[in-house]
């Protein structure tokens, strides 16, 4: 083999290995980003659930207070 053919072959191998390495690295990053998205969704759901429970408790407290005021005023 001539020197030029060896250089072309080596550069083609290097380029192929680089492309394969990049694709694997990109897949790994994409997989990590998807996993982080799932974790953010779970956190968002838990936060929303806590907010809803707080709002529900406030409504229950207000309802109790209103019933108490009505019974004190003699209104049924």
Protein backbone atom coordinates (compact mmCIF):
# COMPACT_ATOMS: atom_id res chain seq x y z
CA UNK A 1 0.00 0.00 0.00
CA UNK A 2 1.14 3.46 -0.75
CA UNK A 3 1.58 6.07 1.91
CA UNK A 4 -1.39 8.08 0.62
CA UNK A 5 -3.73 5.10 0.84
CA UNK A 6 -2.59 4.45 4.43
CA UNK A 7 -3.27 8.07 5.35
CA UNK A 8 -6.73 8.00 3.75
CA UNK A 9 -7.55 4.71 5.47
CA UNK A 10 -6.38 5.98 8.87
CA UNK A 11 -8.30 9.24 8.52
CA UNK A 12 -11.45 7.36 7.46
CA UNK A 13 -11.13 5.06 10.50
CA UNK A 14 -10.54 8.01 12.81
CA UNK A 15 -13.51 9.88 11.39
CA UNK A 16 -15.74 6.79 11.71
CA UNK A 17 -14.69 6.24 15.33
CA UNK A 18 -15.29 9.92 16.08
CA UNK A 19 -18.77 9.84 14.57
CA UNK A 20 -19.69 6.67 16.45
CA UNK A 21 -18.37 8.14 19.69
CA UNK A 22 -20.33 11.34 19.17
CA UNK A 23 -23.56 9.46 18.46
CA UNK A 24 -23.19 7.39 21.63
CA UNK A 25 -22.40 10.51 23.68
CA UNK A 26 -25.40 12.35 22.21
CA UNK A 27 -27.71 9.39 22.99
CA UNK A 28 -26.44 9.37 26.57
CA UNK A 29 -27.11 13.11 26.96
CA UNK A 30 -30.59 12.79 25.45
CA UNK A 31 -31.42 9.92 27.80
CA UNK A 32 -30.24 11.97 30.80
CA UNK A 33 -32.33 14.97 29.73
CA UNK A 34 -35.41 12.78 29.35
CA UNK A 35 -34.85 11.36 32.83
CA UNK A 36 -34.46 14.87 34.28
CA UNK A 37 -37.73 15.84 32.60
CA UNK A 38 -39.50 12.96 34.30
CA UNK A 39 -38.08 14.01 37.67
CA UNK A 40 -39.22 17.61 37.10
CA UNK A 41 -42.71 16.37 36.23
CA UNK A 42 -42.88 14.33 39.43
CA UNK A 43 -41.76 17.33 41.48
CA UNK A 44 -44.29 19.56 39.71
CA UNK A 45 -47.09 17.08 40.45
CA UNK A 46 -46.12 16.86 44.11
CA UNK A 47 -46.01 20.65 44.39
CA UNK A 48 -49.40 20.99 42.71
CA UNK A 49 -50.84 18.32 45.00
CA UNK A 50 -49.53 20.14 48.08
CA UNK A 51 -51.00 23.43 46.82
CA UNK A 52 -54.36 21.74 46.18
CA UNK A 53 -54.37 20.20 49.64
CA UNK A 54 -53.58 23.59 51.20
CA UNK A 55 -56.37 25.23 49.20
CA UNK A 56 -58.79 22.47 50.19
CA UNK A 57 -57.88 22.88 53.86
CA UNK A 58 -58.46 26.62 53.60
CA UNK A 59 -61.88 26.02 52.06
CA UNK A 60 -62.76 23.55 54.82
CA UNK A 61 -61.70 26.07 57.47
CA UNK A 62 -63.71 28.84 55.84
CA UNK A 63 -66.75 26.59 55.61
CA UNK A 64 -66.49 25.74 59.30
CA UNK A 65 -66.13 29.42 60.16
CA UNK A 66 -69.16 30.33 58.04
CA UNK A 67 -71.26 27.59 59.67
CA UNK A 68 -70.14 28.81 63.09
CA UNK A 69 -71.13 32.38 62.24
CA UNK A 70 -74.51 31.24 60.94
CA UNK A 71 -75.24 29.26 64.09
CA UNK A 72 -74.22 32.24 66.24
CA UNK A 73 -76.51 34.54 64.25
CA UNK A 74 -79.35 32.02 64.49
CA UNK A 75 -79.53 31.41 60.75
CA UNK A 76 -79.84 27.77 59.70
